[in-house]
Structure formats: structure tokens, C-alpha cells
Amino acid sequence: MAYMTLKDIDVRYDKKKQVLKGLNLEVKEGELVSLLGPSGCGKTTTLRVVAGFIEPESGVFSLDGEDLTKIPVHKRNFGIVFQSYALFPHLNVYDNVAFGLKMRKLDKQQIDQKVKNILEVCGLSEFEKRFPQQMSGGQRQRVALARALVIEPKLLLLDEPLSNLDAKLRINMRMEIKRIQKKLGITTLFVTHDQEECFSISDKVAVMNQGIIEQFDTPENIYQRPETEFVARFIGFENFLTLNREGNVYKTQAGTVFTVESDRTGDSLAGTIRPEDIRIAGESEERNVLTGTVGVRTFLGKSYQYEVLTAEGKFLVSRPAEEVYEEGSSIRLYLPESKLILVNK
């Protein structure tokens, strides 16, 4: 049963541009769900609807069976972490984390116990007397996370929380967030545009495009079985060909015959395959084969990436470094039916 529900959410800015279009999302208790998509797709707007910063034009937001659509942000008891940290520079770590509890007028002993507990969970016990300017970006982000968690929120909202960190710190911090989230079992909504970051941390991912969710599934299923061309392109598929179904096979406009293991219905379908999944065709293979000419060759260390020009367009192909093909040579590509994915255009 869903713990958090967004149902038929519409949001417009300035009564003109519709940012969210009948958006629906269900999150189970204890799940970490990420909203993934390019800039302008509506992911931050969705988070702001959940937080209470934006009231939708229509639709319902509910949590644990309670309609919170019109409840103001300060009455929702949600923990929110922004990319800017938003720490008070004049307060030390202890007082930054304790701020929300003091606003709730808890007694001093309760505040002390809760703050010290969450500082330990977040690995900050030795820093409680330090001020934000004395800490690294990763440490400050953990302070922001501790401050959001100490109030024991019903929901944790993370808005691009790692975007200001360098690459190594981002990897460390996403592991920390996952560890803390699992330890506390808190339901979490995470906004990011970074596919690797999103897939490494999430139980489920909602891939958004122009105000709607194009696919909502596990990271593994989205990576291996994208449902639409937009999702496939966004997560790194680069080779596409238009396919028309004829009985049990599919044909391209040039008449090349393909068989696929995946099944999808629809009037407009495309086949897609990753560069590393394309093989060199053997002499006996006829179906799922494209003949082309090797174009640009790029050395990638352990492999070469080739641009191959075919009647169906340009294909990127990755082959081991010891397997070299000269630019301008003819080549036959085999697209294995187990690796060729059907998507809706």
C-alpha cells in the first residue's frame, strides 16, 4: 500500500506554462524514490508540491492516508535538504542541528539526547563544536542532513543535495545518505539530474519528461528495459532504428529483418541497443544484421569505439582494443535479439 501519493497533479506557472500534467506517483513506506530528468522536466516542482511550497492547480497529495494538499509547509513535519546546505554560519554544528527542536520547544534534555543521537548516526559527533566555515563541503552536507532528520520527519526531501560537491565527495556522500536512510527507515524523495547518482542510491526511479513520469521502476529495470525512446536516450542508449512489425518479425524501412526477445505493442516503435552489445556478424548470420562502413575510430583504453555508417543511419559500436577495424572498411554488425530493446517512440 502506498504511503505517499500524488494523484493527478497539475501545476502551471503564471497561468500559462503547464509544468506538471496530471502527474501520478505512489511511494511505499521506507522507500527511497528519485525523480530523474533533464532541467525543466518538473522534478523540482514535484518536490516543492510535496514540501508545501507550491499548491497544485488540481490533484491531491496525501501521506499515510491524510490529504495534505492544502496544509502549509510548516505544519507538514518534513525534513528538507537543499543543495546550498542553508546552515546558520553563526551557529556551531550542535546548535544548527538543534535549531528545529528548539523551535518545537522541546526541553533541554530531550534536545541534547536527540541531537547527540543523530550526530552519531551521521558521523558528526566529533564536530559538534565546529562552525560551518571550518568544515568541508561533505561535512556541511551531513550537518544539513542531520538537521533535517533530528525532528523525526514523516518524509525526507532531498533537492540536488550533492551537486555542489566534487566527484569523490559525491560518491562518498551518496553512500552515506543511503546508509543513514536505510538505518532510520525513513521514506525519502530525492531529486537529481545525475543518472549514476540516482541509480546507485534509489529503490525506485521516476524518469520525468515535460511534466509527466515516462517510467517508474527499479534502477535495474530502467537501465535494462527502458519503455520509451526518451528514457532510453536519457540513460545512455545511442543507437536507434525504426521498426515495423510484420507477423513474428520486425522490418526496417530498408527491409532488414530483425527478431527481438522483448515485446511491446504500439503504432510507433524503435529498436535500441547499447554500443557494447553490438557484435561482429558471422558468415551464417542473416537476421539482425546491418552492413556498414567504418567511420571515425576512437581509442578508449580497453576498447575502441567506432562510428559505423549503415542504411539505417549511424551506429556507435564498442569493440575490444585488440580487435581493430580500419576507417573506410566494410563491416557487418550483429544486433543480438536478447540485447535489442523495443521502445515506444
Protein backbone atom coordinates (compact mmCIF):
# COMPACT_ATOMS: atom_id res chain seq x y z
CA MET A 1 0.00 0.00 0.00
CA ALA A 2 1.25 3.48 -0.86
CA TYR A 3 2.49 5.67 1.98
CA MET A 4 2.88 8.82 -0.15
CA THR A 5 0.60 9.54 -3.11
CA LEU A 6 0.49 12.25 -5.76
CA LYS A 7 -2.71 11.92 -7.80
CA ASP A 8 -3.50 13.88 -10.98
CA ILE A 9 -1.28 16.82 -10.02
CA ASP A 10 -1.44 19.86 -12.32
CA VAL A 11 0.82 22.88 -11.84
CA ARG A 12 1.02 25.99 -14.01
CA TYR A 13 3.33 28.96 -13.71
CA ASP A 14 1.80 32.37 -14.43
CA LYS A 15 -1.41 30.57 -15.52
CA LYS A 16 0.26 29.83 -18.86
CA LYS A 17 3.05 27.27 -18.82
CA GLN A 18 1.87 23.89 -17.51
CA VAL A 19 4.78 22.35 -15.62
CA LEU A 20 3.11 19.21 -14.23
CA LYS A 21 0.44 17.45 -16.30
CA GLY A 22 -1.76 15.05 -14.37
CA LEU A 23 1.24 13.61 -12.55
CA ASN A 24 0.75 10.41 -10.56
CA LEU A 25 3.23 8.79 -8.18
CA GLU A 26 2.98 6.26 -5.34
CA VAL A 27 5.78 5.66 -2.82
CA LYS A 28 5.83 2.86 -0.26
CA GLU A 29 6.84 3.48 3.35
CA GLY A 30 10.61 3.28 3.83
CA GLU A 31 11.44 3.60 0.12
CA LEU A 32 13.98 5.99 -1.36
CA VAL A 33 12.48 7.22 -4.63
CA SER A 34 14.36 9.50 -7.01
CA LEU A 35 12.94 11.97 -9.52
CA LEU A 36 15.30 11.93 -12.50
CA GLY A 37 15.22 14.03 -15.63
CA PRO A 38 16.69 16.99 -17.53
CA SER A 39 16.36 20.61 -16.45
CA GLY A 40 12.80 21.86 -16.81
CA CYS A 41 11.14 18.43 -16.69
CA GLY A 42 9.24 19.22 -13.47
CA LYS A 43 11.16 17.21 -10.86
CA THR A 44 11.91 20.14 -8.51
CA THR A 45 8.34 21.42 -8.95
CA THR A 46 7.09 17.98 -7.87
CA LEU A 47 9.29 18.14 -4.77
CA ARG A 48 8.00 21.63 -3.98
CA VAL A 49 4.40 20.40 -4.23
CA VAL A 50 5.21 17.64 -1.74
CA ALA A 51 7.02 20.08 0.56
CA GLY A 52 4.12 22.53 0.53
CA PHE A 53 5.92 25.41 -1.21
CA ILE A 54 3.52 25.13 -4.17
CA GLU A 55 -0.20 24.40 -4.07
CA PRO A 56 -1.21 22.49 -7.21
CA GLU A 57 -3.90 23.81 -9.53
CA SER A 58 -5.63 20.44 -9.21
CA GLY A 59 -4.92 17.00 -7.81
CA VAL A 60 -4.28 15.55 -4.36
CA PHE A 61 -1.15 14.97 -2.30
CA SER A 62 -1.60 12.56 0.59
CA LEU A 63 0.70 10.98 3.15
CA ASP A 64 -0.17 7.95 5.25
CA GLY A 65 -3.82 8.30 4.19
CA GLU A 66 -4.07 12.01 5.12
CA ASP A 67 -4.81 14.69 2.49
CA LEU A 68 -2.05 17.31 2.89
CA THR A 69 -2.67 19.22 -0.36
CA LYS A 70 -3.61 22.47 1.35
CA ILE A 71 -1.63 22.03 4.58
CA PRO A 72 1.07 24.75 4.88
CA VAL A 73 4.73 23.77 4.80
CA HIS A 74 5.42 24.47 8.50
CA LYS A 75 2.72 22.00 9.57
CA ARG A 76 3.88 19.06 7.44
CA ASN A 77 6.81 17.94 9.64
CA PHE A 78 9.03 17.10 6.68
CA GLY A 79 12.83 17.19 6.63
CA ILE A 80 14.25 19.12 3.66
CA VAL A 81 17.86 19.29 2.47
CA PHE A 82 18.82 21.74 -0.29
CA GLN A 83 21.94 21.83 -2.47
CA SER A 84 23.05 25.06 -0.76
CA TYR A 85 23.14 23.46 2.75
CA ALA A 86 21.40 26.57 4.21
CA LEU A 87 23.28 26.28 7.53
CA PHE A 88 23.41 29.18 10.00
CA PRO A 89 27.04 30.44 9.84
CA HIS A 90 26.93 31.92 13.37
CA LEU A 91 25.83 28.62 14.97
CA ASN A 92 28.06 25.62 15.60
CA VAL A 93 27.13 22.11 14.43
CA TYR A 94 25.29 21.23 17.63
CA ASP A 95 23.16 24.37 17.56
CA ASN A 96 22.48 24.10 13.81
CA VAL A 97 21.14 20.59 14.31
CA ALA A 98 19.22 21.55 17.46
CA PHE A 99 17.51 24.55 15.84
CA GLY A 100 14.36 22.74 14.70
CA LEU A 101 13.90 21.08 18.09
CA LYS A 102 14.21 24.42 19.88
CA MET A 103 11.55 25.87 17.60
CA ARG A 104 9.30 22.98 18.73
CA LYS A 105 10.04 23.98 22.34
CA LEU A 106 11.35 20.59 23.47
CA ASP A 107 13.05 20.56 26.88
CA LYS A 108 16.83 20.80 27.05
CA GLN A 109 17.39 17.15 27.99
CA GLN A 110 15.29 15.86 25.06
CA ILE A 111 17.08 18.18 22.66
CA ASP A 112 20.51 17.07 23.89
CA GLN A 113 19.65 13.37 23.57
CA LYS A 114 18.15 13.69 20.07
CA VAL A 115 20.97 15.88 18.75
CA LYS A 116 23.72 13.60 20.05
CA ASN A 117 21.96 10.52 18.68
CA ILE A 118 21.62 11.94 15.17
CA LEU A 119 25.18 13.35 15.19
CA GLU A 120 26.40 9.81 15.91
CA VAL A 121 24.26 8.34 13.12
CA CYS A 122 25.63 10.92 10.67
CA GLY A 123 29.26 10.53 11.83
CA LEU A 124 29.46 14.06 13.22
CA SER A 125 29.94 13.51 16.98
CA GLU A 126 33.49 14.90 16.98
CA PHE A 127 32.44 18.06 15.09
CA GLU A 128 29.64 19.38 17.31
CA LYS A 129 31.60 22.47 18.41
CA ARG A 130 32.76 23.41 14.93
CA PHE A 131 31.23 26.16 12.80
CA PRO A 132 30.20 25.59 9.14
CA GLN A 133 33.10 27.60 7.72
CA GLN A 134 35.53 25.25 9.50
CA MET A 135 34.15 22.19 7.71
CA SER A 136 34.42 20.59 4.27
CA GLY A 137 31.52 20.53 1.82
CA GLY A 138 30.76 16.89 2.60
CA GLN A 139 30.75 17.53 6.34
CA ARG A 140 28.43 20.51 5.94
CA GLN A 141 26.08 18.43 3.82
CA ARG A 142 25.97 15.82 6.61
CA VAL A 143 25.12 18.59 9.09
CA ALA A 144 22.24 19.68 6.85
CA LEU A 145 21.09 16.06 6.68
CA ALA A 146 21.32 15.66 10.48
CA ARG A 147 19.30 18.86 10.98
CA ALA A 148 16.58 17.54 8.68
CA LEU A 149 16.48 14.13 10.37
CA VAL A 150 16.64 15.18 14.03
CA ILE A 151 13.00 16.34 14.02
CA GLU A 152 12.00 12.74 13.14
CA PRO A 153 10.18 13.81 9.96
CA LYS A 154 7.43 11.83 8.29
CA LEU A 155 9.19 12.36 4.96
CA LEU A 156 12.71 13.35 3.91
CA LEU A 157 13.06 15.56 0.82
CA LEU A 158 16.47 15.95 -0.88
CA ASP A 159 16.77 18.57 -3.64
CA GLU A 160 20.01 18.04 -5.63
CA PRO A 161 21.87 17.72 -2.30
CA LEU A 162 25.20 16.62 -3.80
CA SER A 163 25.52 18.94 -6.78
CA ASN A 164 27.94 21.33 -5.02
CA LEU A 165 30.41 18.59 -4.07
CA ASP A 166 33.39 17.35 -6.08
CA ALA A 167 33.22 13.93 -7.74
CA LYS A 168 34.90 11.90 -4.97
CA LEU A 169 32.86 13.53 -2.21
CA ARG A 170 29.65 12.93 -4.14
CA ILE A 171 30.35 9.19 -4.27
CA ASN A 172 31.09 9.10 -0.54
CA MET A 173 28.04 11.18 0.37
CA ARG A 174 25.57 9.18 -1.68
CA MET A 175 26.75 6.07 0.18
CA GLU A 176 26.29 7.92 3.47
CA ILE A 177 22.77 9.04 2.53
CA LYS A 178 21.82 5.50 1.56
CA ARG A 179 23.29 4.09 4.80
CA ILE A 180 21.51 6.63 7.01
CA GLN A 181 18.21 6.33 5.12
CA LYS A 182 18.20 2.55 5.46
CA LYS A 183 19.23 2.65 9.12
CA LEU A 184 16.40 5.02 10.00
CA GLY A 185 13.89 3.52 7.55
CA ILE A 186 12.69 6.97 6.52
CA THR A 187 10.65 7.46 3.34
CA THR A 188 12.69 9.71 1.04
CA LEU A 189 12.14 11.68 -2.15
CA PHE A 190 15.40 12.54 -3.92
CA VAL A 191 15.70 14.99 -6.85
CA THR A 192 18.68 14.69 -9.21
CA HIS A 193 19.67 15.00 -12.87
CA ASP A 194 22.62 12.62 -12.41
CA GLN A 195 21.82 9.12 -13.67
CA GLU A 196 24.69 7.32 -11.93
CA GLU A 197 23.97 9.04 -8.62
CA CYS A 198 20.27 8.24 -8.92
CA PHE A 199 20.68 4.58 -9.85
CA SER A 200 23.21 3.92 -7.09
CA ILE A 201 21.03 5.25 -4.28
CA SER A 202 17.40 4.56 -5.22
CA ASP A 203 14.89 1.80 -4.58
CA LYS A 204 12.70 3.19 -7.37
CA VAL A 205 13.24 5.87 -10.02
CA ALA A 206 10.69 8.12 -11.72
CA VAL A 207 12.09 9.37 -15.05
CA MET A 208 10.35 12.65 -15.88
CA ASN A 209 9.86 14.46 -19.19
CA GLN A 210 7.84 17.64 -19.76
CA GLY A 211 5.74 17.34 -16.61
CA ILE A 212 4.90 13.65 -16.70
CA ILE A 213 6.56 10.45 -15.49
CA GLU A 214 7.60 8.40 -18.52
CA GLN A 215 8.73 5.38 -16.49
CA PHE A 216 8.61 4.44 -12.80
CA ASP A 217 10.54 1.31 -11.92
CA THR A 218 13.64 -0.09 -10.23
CA PRO A 219 17.02 1.24 -11.41
CA GLU A 220 17.84 -2.20 -12.82
CA ASN A 221 14.68 -2.40 -14.92
CA ILE A 222 15.03 1.13 -16.25
CA TYR A 223 18.67 0.53 -17.19
CA GLN A 224 17.98 -2.82 -18.86
CA ARG A 225 14.44 -2.28 -20.18
CA PRO A 226 13.59 1.37 -20.92
CA GLU A 227 9.99 1.78 -22.08
CA THR A 228 10.25 4.89 -24.26
CA GLU A 229 12.79 6.41 -26.63
CA PHE A 230 13.14 9.42 -24.33
CA VAL A 231 14.03 7.24 -21.33
CA ALA A 232 16.42 5.15 -23.43
CA ARG A 233 18.25 8.23 -24.75
CA PHE A 234 18.38 9.84 -21.31
CA ILE A 235 20.04 6.80 -19.70
CA GLY A 236 22.63 6.39 -22.42
CA PHE A 237 21.26 4.35 -25.32
CA GLU A 238 22.63 5.88 -28.53
CA ASN A 239 21.67 3.50 -31.35
CA PHE A 240 18.11 3.59 -32.69
CA LEU A 241 16.30 2.19 -35.71
CA THR A 242 12.63 2.44 -36.69
CA LEU A 243 10.90 -0.96 -36.80
CA ASN A 244 7.57 -2.12 -38.22
CA ARG A 245 6.04 -5.38 -37.04
CA GLU A 246 5.23 -8.00 -39.66
CA GLY A 247 3.98 -11.18 -38.01
CA ASN A 248 6.67 -12.53 -35.68
CA VAL A 249 9.44 -10.33 -37.04
CA TYR A 250 10.24 -6.65 -37.41
CA LYS A 251 11.46 -4.86 -40.50
CA THR A 252 13.27 -1.58 -41.06
CA GLN A 253 12.33 0.81 -43.85
CA ALA A 254 15.19 -0.65 -45.88
CA GLY A 255 13.73 -4.15 -45.43
CA THR A 256 16.26 -5.58 -42.96
CA VAL A 257 14.64 -8.30 -40.83
CA PHE A 258 15.02 -8.34 -37.05
CA THR A 259 13.80 -10.62 -34.28
CA VAL A 260 13.68 -9.47 -30.66
CA GLU A 261 13.07 -11.13 -27.29
CA SER A 262 11.37 -8.10 -25.74
CA ASP A 263 7.74 -7.49 -26.65
CA ARG A 264 5.96 -4.18 -26.93
CA THR A 265 2.80 -3.06 -28.69
CA GLY A 266 2.26 0.33 -30.25
CA ASP A 267 1.90 2.14 -33.55
CA SER A 268 5.37 3.66 -33.45
CA LEU A 269 8.25 1.50 -32.22
CA ALA A 270 12.01 1.83 -32.25
CA GLY A 271 14.71 -0.70 -31.57
CA THR A 272 17.66 0.38 -29.45
CA ILE A 273 20.90 -1.25 -28.38
CA ARG A 274 23.98 -0.18 -26.41
CA PRO A 275 27.33 0.13 -28.31
CA GLU A 276 28.95 -2.60 -26.19
CA ASP A 277 26.16 -5.09 -27.02
CA ILE A 278 26.68 -4.99 -30.80
CA ARG A 279 28.80 -7.86 -32.15
CA ILE A 280 30.52 -8.53 -35.45
CA ALA A 281 28.27 -10.78 -37.57
CA GLY A 282 29.35 -14.27 -38.52
CA GLU A 283 29.04 -15.53 -42.11
CA SER A 284 25.94 -17.62 -41.34
CA GLU A 285 24.02 -14.81 -39.61
CA GLU A 286 21.42 -13.08 -41.76
CA ARG A 287 18.76 -11.66 -39.44
CA ASN A 288 19.56 -8.76 -37.13
CA VAL A 289 22.50 -7.83 -39.35
CA LEU A 290 23.42 -4.38 -40.67
CA THR A 291 26.16 -3.81 -43.22
CA GLY A 292 28.08 -0.58 -42.91
CA THR A 293 31.28 1.37 -43.38
CA VAL A 294 33.64 2.20 -40.52
CA GLY A 295 33.84 5.93 -39.94
CA VAL A 296 35.60 7.64 -37.04
CA ARG A 297 37.54 5.33 -34.69
CA THR A 298 38.15 6.48 -31.11
CA PHE A 299 40.58 4.79 -28.70
CA LEU A 300 39.13 4.42 -25.17
CA GLY A 301 41.92 2.46 -23.47
CA LYS A 302 40.47 -1.03 -23.10
CA SER A 303 38.35 -0.66 -26.22
CA TYR A 304 37.75 1.23 -29.46
CA GLN A 305 34.50 2.99 -30.26
CA TYR A 306 33.56 3.05 -33.94
CA GLU A 307 31.06 5.14 -35.86
CA VAL A 308 29.58 2.78 -38.45
CA LEU A 309 27.52 4.25 -41.29
CA THR A 310 24.66 1.96 -42.39
CA ALA A 311 21.50 2.23 -44.49
CA GLU A 312 19.62 2.71 -41.19
CA GLY A 313 21.83 5.55 -40.03
CA LYS A 314 24.96 5.92 -37.89
CA PHE A 315 25.64 3.33 -35.19
CA LEU A 316 28.17 3.50 -32.35
CA VAL A 317 29.95 0.20 -31.74
CA SER A 318 32.39 -0.70 -28.95
CA ARG A 319 34.94 -3.46 -29.56
CA PRO A 320 37.95 -4.71 -27.55
CA ALA A 321 41.26 -2.88 -28.10
CA GLU A 322 42.82 -5.95 -29.72
CA GLU A 323 40.02 -6.03 -32.33
CA VAL A 324 40.92 -3.23 -34.76
CA TYR A 325 38.97 -2.13 -37.87
CA GLU A 326 40.32 0.45 -40.27
CA GLU A 327 38.37 3.58 -41.15
CA GLY A 328 36.64 3.13 -44.52
CA SER A 329 36.46 -0.66 -44.30
CA SER A 330 33.20 -2.61 -44.71
CA ILE A 331 31.78 -4.32 -41.63
CA ARG A 332 28.73 -6.46 -40.76
CA LEU A 333 27.10 -5.74 -37.41
CA TYR A 334 25.03 -8.28 -35.49
CA LEU A 335 22.41 -6.90 -33.07
CA PRO A 336 21.57 -9.85 -30.75
CA GLU A 337 17.83 -10.31 -30.23
CA SER A 338 18.38 -10.58 -26.46
CA LYS A 339 20.07 -7.16 -26.41
CA LEU A 340 17.83 -5.30 -28.87
CA ILE A 341 15.18 -3.46 -26.86
CA LEU A 342 11.83 -2.25 -28.22
CA VAL A 343 10.72 1.19 -27.04
CA ASN A 344 7.78 3.46 -27.81
CA LYS A 345 8.77 6.48 -29.90
